């Protein structure tokens, strides 16, 4: 089990200290604007569709080649 470096913290205070630190870190986060969120979501959907089409095309090509090979 890992031990914390530095000053020992009372075991009862650890969860509260952790939650304070989480809250502090979340205040530093730069959240995307709604417009950026929609833009990023659109990019992810388009890229996923493109990759899906590429995989489907390769699958059809290999399936066709396998049918030719087995005939």
N, C-alpha and C. Protein backbone atom coordinates (compact mmCIF):
# COMPACT_ATOMS: atom_id res chain seq x y z
N UNK A 1 0.84 -1.17 0.00
CA UNK A 1 0.00 0.00 0.00
C UNK A 1 0.88 1.24 0.00
N UNK A 2 0.52 2.22 -0.82
CA UNK A 2 1.33 3.43 -0.92
C UNK A 2 1.05 4.35 0.26
N UNK A 3 2.10 4.99 0.71
CA UNK A 3 1.95 5.95 1.79
C UNK A 3 2.15 7.35 1.24
N UNK A 4 1.37 8.29 1.77
CA UNK A 4 1.47 9.67 1.31
C UNK A 4 2.76 10.29 1.81
N UNK A 5 3.37 11.11 0.97
CA UNK A 5 4.59 11.82 1.38
C UNK A 5 4.19 13.09 2.11
N UNK A 6 5.05 13.56 2.95
CA UNK A 6 4.79 14.82 3.65
C UNK A 6 4.08 14.60 4.96
N UNK A 7 3.30 15.58 5.35
CA UNK A 7 2.59 15.53 6.64
C UNK A 7 1.50 14.48 6.61
N UNK A 8 1.37 13.79 7.72
CA UNK A 8 0.31 12.79 7.83
C UNK A 8 -1.02 13.51 8.03
N UNK A 9 -2.05 13.00 7.36
CA UNK A 9 -3.39 13.58 7.46
C UNK A 9 -4.26 12.61 8.23
N UNK A 10 -5.11 13.13 9.12
CA UNK A 10 -6.00 12.26 9.87
C UNK A 10 -6.90 11.54 8.90
N UNK A 11 -7.15 10.26 9.19
CA UNK A 11 -7.93 9.45 8.27
C UNK A 11 -9.34 9.98 8.08
N UNK A 12 -9.94 10.62 9.07
CA UNK A 12 -11.28 11.15 8.94
C UNK A 12 -11.34 12.39 8.06
N UNK A 13 -10.22 13.09 7.90
CA UNK A 13 -10.19 14.32 7.12
C UNK A 13 -9.87 14.05 5.65
N UNK A 14 -9.41 12.86 5.32
CA UNK A 14 -8.99 12.58 3.94
C UNK A 14 -10.10 12.75 2.91
N UNK A 15 -11.29 12.22 3.13
CA UNK A 15 -12.33 12.40 2.09
C UNK A 15 -12.67 13.87 1.86
N UNK A 16 -12.72 14.67 2.93
CA UNK A 16 -13.06 16.08 2.77
C UNK A 16 -11.95 16.83 2.05
N UNK A 17 -10.71 16.49 2.37
CA UNK A 17 -9.58 17.13 1.69
C UNK A 17 -9.61 16.77 0.21
N UNK A 18 -9.88 15.52 -0.08
CA UNK A 18 -9.96 15.08 -1.47
C UNK A 18 -11.04 15.85 -2.23
N UNK A 19 -12.22 15.97 -1.62
CA UNK A 19 -13.33 16.66 -2.28
C UNK A 19 -13.02 18.15 -2.48
N UNK A 20 -12.33 18.77 -1.51
CA UNK A 20 -11.93 20.17 -1.68
C UNK A 20 -10.95 20.31 -2.84
N UNK A 21 -10.01 19.36 -2.95
CA UNK A 21 -9.03 19.42 -4.04
C UNK A 21 -9.70 19.18 -5.40
N UNK A 22 -10.67 18.28 -5.44
CA UNK A 22 -11.40 18.03 -6.68
C UNK A 22 -12.13 19.30 -7.10
N UNK A 23 -12.81 19.92 -6.15
CA UNK A 23 -13.54 21.16 -6.44
C UNK A 23 -12.58 22.24 -6.94
N UNK A 24 -11.43 22.34 -6.32
CA UNK A 24 -10.44 23.32 -6.71
C UNK A 24 -9.96 23.07 -8.14
N UNK A 25 -9.71 21.82 -8.48
CA UNK A 25 -9.25 21.48 -9.83
C UNK A 25 -10.33 21.71 -10.87
N UNK A 26 -11.59 21.42 -10.53
CA UNK A 26 -12.68 21.63 -11.48
C UNK A 26 -12.88 23.12 -11.79
N UNK A 27 -12.52 23.98 -10.88
CA UNK A 27 -12.61 25.42 -11.15
C UNK A 27 -11.58 25.85 -12.18
N UNK A 28 -10.49 25.10 -12.33
CA UNK A 28 -9.44 25.44 -13.28
C UNK A 28 -9.75 24.96 -14.70
N UNK A 29 -10.73 24.08 -14.84
CA UNK A 29 -11.05 23.51 -16.14
C UNK A 29 -11.64 24.58 -17.05
N UNK A 30 -11.18 24.61 -18.30
CA UNK A 30 -11.76 25.52 -19.29
C UNK A 30 -12.77 24.70 -20.07
N UNK A 31 -14.05 24.93 -19.79
CA UNK A 31 -15.12 24.16 -20.41
C UNK A 31 -15.40 24.69 -21.80
N UNK A 32 -15.71 23.80 -22.77
CA UNK A 32 -16.02 24.27 -24.12
C UNK A 32 -17.37 25.00 -24.15
N UNK A 33 -17.49 25.89 -25.12
CA UNK A 33 -18.76 26.60 -25.30
C UNK A 33 -19.77 25.63 -25.93
N UNK A 34 -21.05 25.94 -25.85
CA UNK A 34 -22.04 25.07 -26.51
C UNK A 34 -21.77 24.91 -28.01
N UNK A 35 -21.33 26.00 -28.65
CA UNK A 35 -21.03 25.92 -30.09
C UNK A 35 -19.86 24.96 -30.35
N UNK A 36 -18.82 25.02 -29.53
CA UNK A 36 -17.69 24.10 -29.68
C UNK A 36 -18.14 22.67 -29.44
N UNK A 37 -18.99 22.46 -28.46
CA UNK A 37 -19.48 21.12 -28.15
C UNK A 37 -20.22 20.53 -29.34
N UNK A 38 -21.09 21.32 -29.96
CA UNK A 38 -21.83 20.85 -31.14
C UNK A 38 -20.86 20.57 -32.28
N UNK A 39 -19.88 21.42 -32.47
CA UNK A 39 -18.89 21.24 -33.53
C UNK A 39 -18.09 19.96 -33.32
N UNK A 40 -17.61 19.76 -32.10
CA UNK A 40 -16.83 18.56 -31.80
C UNK A 40 -17.68 17.29 -31.95
N UNK A 41 -18.93 17.37 -31.53
CA UNK A 41 -19.83 16.22 -31.64
C UNK A 41 -20.06 15.89 -33.11
N UNK A 42 -20.27 16.91 -33.93
CA UNK A 42 -20.44 16.70 -35.37
C UNK A 42 -19.22 16.05 -36.00
N UNK A 43 -18.03 16.50 -35.60
CA UNK A 43 -16.81 15.91 -36.11
C UNK A 43 -16.70 14.44 -35.72
N UNK A 44 -17.00 14.13 -34.49
CA UNK A 44 -16.91 12.74 -34.02
C UNK A 44 -17.90 11.85 -34.76
N UNK A 45 -19.12 12.34 -34.95
CA UNK A 45 -20.13 11.55 -35.67
C UNK A 45 -19.70 11.33 -37.12
N UNK A 46 -19.22 12.39 -37.79
CA UNK A 46 -18.78 12.27 -39.19
C UNK A 46 -17.59 11.33 -39.31
N UNK A 47 -16.62 11.46 -38.42
CA UNK A 47 -15.43 10.61 -38.47
C UNK A 47 -15.79 9.15 -38.20
N UNK A 48 -16.70 8.94 -37.25
CA UNK A 48 -17.14 7.58 -36.95
C UNK A 48 -17.86 6.96 -38.15
N UNK A 49 -18.70 7.74 -38.82
CA UNK A 49 -19.39 7.26 -40.01
C UNK A 49 -18.39 6.93 -41.12
N UNK A 50 -17.38 7.79 -41.30
CA UNK A 50 -16.36 7.54 -42.32
C UNK A 50 -15.60 6.25 -42.03
N UNK A 51 -15.18 6.06 -40.81
CA UNK A 51 -14.46 4.83 -40.44
C UNK A 51 -15.37 3.62 -40.61
N UNK A 52 -16.65 3.76 -40.27
CA UNK A 52 -17.60 2.66 -40.46
C UNK A 52 -17.75 2.30 -41.93
N UNK A 53 -17.80 3.31 -42.80
CA UNK A 53 -17.89 3.04 -44.24
C UNK A 53 -16.63 2.37 -44.77
N UNK A 54 -15.48 2.79 -44.28
CA UNK A 54 -14.22 2.16 -44.71
C UNK A 54 -14.20 0.70 -44.28
N UNK A 55 -14.57 0.43 -43.05
CA UNK A 55 -14.58 -0.96 -42.56
C UNK A 55 -15.60 -1.79 -43.33
N UNK A 56 -16.79 -1.22 -43.60
CA UNK A 56 -17.81 -1.95 -44.37
C UNK A 56 -17.31 -2.23 -45.78
N UNK A 57 -16.64 -1.27 -46.40
CA UNK A 57 -16.07 -1.48 -47.74
C UNK A 57 -15.02 -2.57 -47.75
N UNK A 58 -14.13 -2.55 -46.76
CA UNK A 58 -13.10 -3.60 -46.68
C UNK A 58 -13.73 -4.96 -46.43
N UNK A 59 -14.75 -5.00 -45.59
CA UNK A 59 -15.45 -6.25 -45.32
C UNK A 59 -16.07 -6.80 -46.60
N UNK A 60 -16.73 -5.94 -47.38
CA UNK A 60 -17.35 -6.38 -48.63
C UNK A 60 -16.29 -6.86 -49.62
N UNK A 61 -15.16 -6.14 -49.67
CA UNK A 61 -14.08 -6.53 -50.58
C UNK A 61 -13.50 -7.88 -50.19
N UNK A 62 -13.23 -8.09 -48.91
CA UNK A 62 -12.69 -9.38 -48.47
C UNK A 62 -13.71 -10.50 -48.64
N UNK A 63 -14.98 -10.21 -48.42
CA UNK A 63 -16.03 -11.20 -48.61
C UNK A 63 -16.10 -11.61 -50.08
N UNK A 64 -16.03 -10.63 -50.98
CA UNK A 64 -16.04 -10.92 -52.42
C UNK A 64 -14.82 -11.77 -52.80
N UNK A 65 -13.66 -11.39 -52.29
CA UNK A 65 -12.44 -12.14 -52.58
C UNK A 65 -12.50 -13.56 -52.03
N UNK A 66 -13.07 -13.73 -50.87
CA UNK A 66 -13.19 -15.07 -50.28
C UNK A 66 -14.13 -15.93 -51.10
N UNK A 67 -15.24 -15.35 -51.59
CA UNK A 67 -16.18 -16.10 -52.44
C UNK A 67 -15.51 -16.53 -53.74
N UNK A 68 -14.69 -15.63 -54.31
CA UNK A 68 -13.97 -15.99 -55.54
C UNK A 68 -12.97 -17.12 -55.26
N UNK A 69 -12.31 -17.05 -54.14
CA UNK A 69 -11.29 -18.04 -53.77
C UNK A 69 -11.92 -19.41 -53.53
N UNK A 70 -13.10 -19.44 -52.92
CA UNK A 70 -13.74 -20.72 -52.57
C UNK A 70 -14.49 -21.34 -53.73
N UNK A 71 -14.74 -20.63 -54.81
CA UNK A 71 -15.46 -21.20 -55.96
C UNK A 71 -14.62 -22.13 -56.70
